[in-house]
Amino acid sequence: MLLDEKRMAVFAGQELQYLLEIDSVSGNEAEMLLYLEKRCRDMGLPTKQQKVVGERYNLLVNPLSFPELMITAHVDTVPPVINGTPCRHEIVGERFYGRGAADVKGGIASLLAALNEITIRSSEGTENIPPVMIAFNIDEERSGCGSEKLARLGGRYAVVIEPTEMKLCTAQCGSAVLHL
């Protein structure tokens, strides 16, 4: 499959600009999730909300009962002010800087560009939508309750879009809760 890299880059850049404008600090992810759900549905992809706590939910795109592969990214960001310093965002040339740009709205924009490319090819009849589930989860920057709920779905393999130390990580320890 040959990808239209230029179309994908333009699409991802436009998406990232928009995503950076959405306030999605931990606990306030609703606007981001509503946008992502509408965007994916506009591409013709099925979505499902996975309730996490209260009115908060993870968004599942192309939901499968037991996914062979799940690609996931968290939608929340750190607070707008850290240690008294405001976190701003700006674009300099082709580079995006600021809260959420790398962690992980840039990854989400790239994922949306890939989904857009796949759905275009699917509508042309040149590609099928692969049996992959995409999950946008909440609360990674705070308690991790979205990831904990997402893990209960099971699945065979997962790719987590997260720029941890900018290195490819083949395993992660996760978390454990103990009551003594």
Protein backbone atom coordinates (compact mmCIF):
# COMPACT_ATOMS: atom_id res chain seq x y z
CA MET A 1 0.00 0.00 0.00
CA LEU A 2 1.48 3.33 -1.06
CA LEU A 3 0.47 6.18 1.19
CA ASP A 4 -0.11 9.73 0.09
CA GLU A 5 2.45 11.16 2.52
CA LYS A 6 1.87 14.78 1.57
CA ARG A 7 -1.89 14.50 2.06
CA MET A 8 -1.32 12.77 5.40
CA ALA A 9 1.18 15.43 6.58
CA VAL A 10 -1.15 18.30 5.69
CA PHE A 11 -4.08 16.52 7.33
CA ALA A 12 -2.08 15.77 10.52
CA GLY A 13 -0.81 19.35 10.74
CA GLN A 14 -4.30 20.80 10.43
CA GLU A 15 -5.64 18.34 12.98
CA LEU A 16 -2.85 19.07 15.45
CA GLN A 17 -3.49 22.81 15.21
CA TYR A 18 -7.13 22.18 16.07
CA LEU A 19 -6.42 19.62 18.81
CA LEU A 20 -4.05 22.02 20.58
CA GLU A 21 -6.90 24.53 20.89
CA ILE A 22 -9.05 22.02 22.80
CA ASP A 23 -8.66 22.14 26.59
CA SER A 24 -8.39 18.51 27.64
CA VAL A 25 -6.67 18.67 31.02
CA SER A 26 -7.21 15.49 33.08
CA GLY A 27 -10.82 15.39 34.24
CA ASN A 28 -11.96 17.68 31.41
CA GLU A 29 -11.64 15.43 28.36
CA ALA A 30 -15.25 15.61 27.12
CA GLU A 31 -14.75 18.21 24.36
CA MET A 32 -11.76 16.30 22.97
CA LEU A 33 -13.65 13.00 22.97
CA LEU A 34 -16.71 14.54 21.32
CA TYR A 35 -14.50 16.00 18.60
CA LEU A 36 -12.68 12.69 18.01
CA GLU A 37 -15.96 10.78 17.93
CA LYS A 38 -17.45 13.15 15.35
CA ARG A 39 -14.25 13.10 13.29
CA CYS A 40 -14.13 9.29 13.20
CA ARG A 41 -17.84 8.97 12.44
CA ASP A 42 -17.46 11.49 9.62
CA MET A 43 -14.85 9.08 8.20
CA GLY A 44 -17.46 6.31 8.36
CA LEU A 45 -15.87 4.51 11.30
CA PRO A 46 -18.04 2.97 14.03
CA THR A 47 -17.50 4.24 17.57
CA LYS A 48 -18.51 3.19 21.07
CA GLN A 49 -18.17 4.85 24.45
CA GLN A 50 -16.68 2.75 27.25
CA LYS A 51 -17.88 4.16 30.56
CA VAL A 52 -15.03 4.72 33.02
CA VAL A 53 -16.28 6.82 35.94
CA GLY A 54 -19.29 9.12 36.26
CA GLU A 55 -19.92 10.75 32.88
CA ARG A 56 -16.32 10.15 31.76
CA TYR A 57 -15.55 7.53 29.13
CA ASN A 58 -12.96 6.09 26.76
CA LEU A 59 -13.76 6.27 23.05
CA LEU A 60 -13.43 3.05 21.04
CA VAL A 61 -13.15 3.34 17.26
CA ASN A 62 -13.90 0.23 15.20
CA PRO A 63 -14.82 -1.58 18.46
CA LEU A 64 -14.08 -5.31 18.46
CA SER A 65 -15.01 -7.89 21.10
CA PHE A 66 -11.43 -9.20 21.31
CA PRO A 67 -9.09 -7.09 19.19
CA GLU A 68 -6.07 -8.73 17.61
CA LEU A 69 -4.45 -5.29 17.71
CA MET A 70 -5.44 -2.21 19.69
CA ILE A 71 -3.83 1.18 19.11
CA THR A 72 -4.37 3.55 21.99
CA ALA A 73 -3.57 7.14 22.95
CA HIS A 74 -4.66 9.18 25.94
CA VAL A 75 -6.56 12.40 25.32
CA ASP A 76 -5.82 14.30 28.53
CA THR A 77 -3.05 16.82 29.13
CA VAL A 78 -1.25 18.30 32.10
CA PRO A 79 -2.67 21.52 33.64
CA PRO A 80 -2.23 24.83 31.78
CA VAL A 81 0.07 26.17 34.51
CA ILE A 82 2.88 24.11 36.03
CA ASN A 83 4.90 25.48 38.96
CA GLY A 84 3.59 28.98 38.20
CA THR A 85 4.66 28.85 34.54
CA PRO A 86 1.92 28.93 31.88
CA CYS A 87 2.12 26.25 29.20
CA ARG A 88 1.54 27.90 25.84
CA HIS A 89 1.62 26.46 22.37
CA GLU A 90 3.03 27.89 19.20
CA ILE A 91 3.97 26.83 15.70
CA VAL A 92 7.41 27.72 14.37
CA GLY A 93 7.84 26.66 10.76
CA GLU A 94 6.78 23.02 10.63
CA ARG A 95 7.30 22.43 14.36
CA PHE A 96 4.60 22.48 17.01
CA TYR A 97 5.50 23.37 20.59
CA GLY A 98 3.45 23.39 23.78
CA ARG A 99 1.25 21.47 26.16
CA GLY A 100 0.02 18.29 24.54
CA ALA A 101 1.89 18.74 21.23
CA ALA A 102 4.11 15.70 21.78
CA ASP A 103 2.24 14.10 24.69
CA VAL A 104 0.15 13.09 22.88
CA LYS A 105 -1.95 15.25 20.57
CA GLY A 106 0.68 14.96 17.84
CA GLY A 107 0.27 11.19 17.98
CA ILE A 108 -3.51 11.54 17.85
CA ALA A 109 -3.26 13.84 14.80
CA SER A 110 -1.02 11.30 13.07
CA LEU A 111 -3.42 8.50 13.93
CA LEU A 112 -6.34 10.50 12.52
CA ALA A 113 -4.33 11.11 9.33
CA ALA A 114 -3.72 7.36 9.00
CA LEU A 115 -7.40 6.60 9.61
CA ASN A 116 -8.36 9.19 7.01
CA GLU A 117 -6.00 7.65 4.47
CA ILE A 118 -7.36 4.16 5.18
CA THR A 119 -10.98 5.28 4.82
CA ILE A 120 -10.21 7.09 1.55
CA ARG A 121 -8.59 3.93 0.16
CA SER A 122 -11.45 1.82 1.48
CA SER A 123 -14.02 4.03 -0.27
CA GLU A 124 -11.98 3.73 -3.50
CA GLY A 125 -12.04 -0.05 -3.13
CA THR A 126 -8.24 -0.32 -2.99
CA GLU A 127 -7.97 -1.22 0.72
CA ASN A 128 -10.14 -2.72 3.44
CA ILE A 129 -10.37 -1.30 6.93
CA PRO A 130 -8.09 -3.57 8.99
CA PRO A 131 -9.39 -5.45 12.06
CA VAL A 132 -7.75 -2.99 14.44
CA MET A 133 -9.43 -1.18 17.30
CA ILE A 134 -8.41 2.38 18.17
CA ALA A 135 -8.93 3.54 21.74
CA PHE A 136 -8.75 7.10 23.02
CA ASN A 137 -8.54 6.88 26.79
CA ILE A 138 -8.88 9.37 29.61
CA ASP A 139 -6.93 10.30 32.72
CA GLU A 140 -3.43 9.07 31.84
CA GLU A 141 -1.84 12.19 33.35
CA ARG A 142 -3.51 11.65 36.74
CA SER A 143 -4.87 8.33 38.04
CA GLY A 144 -4.80 6.12 34.94
CA CYS A 145 -8.43 5.03 35.43
CA GLY A 146 -9.07 5.13 31.65
CA SER A 147 -6.18 2.77 30.90
CA GLU A 148 -7.22 0.46 33.72
CA LYS A 149 -10.74 0.16 32.30
CA LEU A 150 -9.41 -0.22 28.75
CA ALA A 151 -7.15 -3.11 29.78
CA ARG A 152 -10.21 -5.07 30.91
CA LEU A 153 -11.30 -5.38 27.27
CA GLY A 154 -8.42 -7.73 26.63
CA GLY A 155 -6.88 -8.24 23.26
CA ARG A 156 -3.81 -9.84 21.82
CA TYR A 157 -1.47 -6.91 21.08
CA ALA A 158 -1.44 -3.20 21.84
CA VAL A 159 0.45 -0.22 20.52
CA VAL A 160 0.39 2.69 22.95
CA ILE A 161 1.15 6.05 21.40
CA GLU A 162 3.21 7.77 24.09
CA PRO A 163 6.49 9.66 23.68
CA THR A 164 8.17 8.15 26.76
CA GLU A 165 11.83 9.21 26.53
CA MET A 166 11.44 9.18 22.71
CA LYS A 167 12.43 5.49 22.61
CA LEU A 168 10.54 2.47 21.33
CA CYS A 169 9.34 0.50 24.33
CA THR A 170 8.42 -3.16 23.80
CA ALA A 171 6.94 -3.72 27.27
CA GLN A 172 5.60 -1.62 30.10
CA CYS A 173 5.07 -2.40 33.75
CA GLY A 174 1.61 -0.87 34.06
CA SER A 175 0.15 -0.33 37.51
CA ALA A 176 -1.11 -2.27 40.48
CA VAL A 177 -3.47 -1.21 43.26
CA LEU A 178 -3.17 -2.91 46.62
CA HIS A 179 -5.48 -2.58 49.60
CA LEU A 180 -3.80 -3.45 52.90
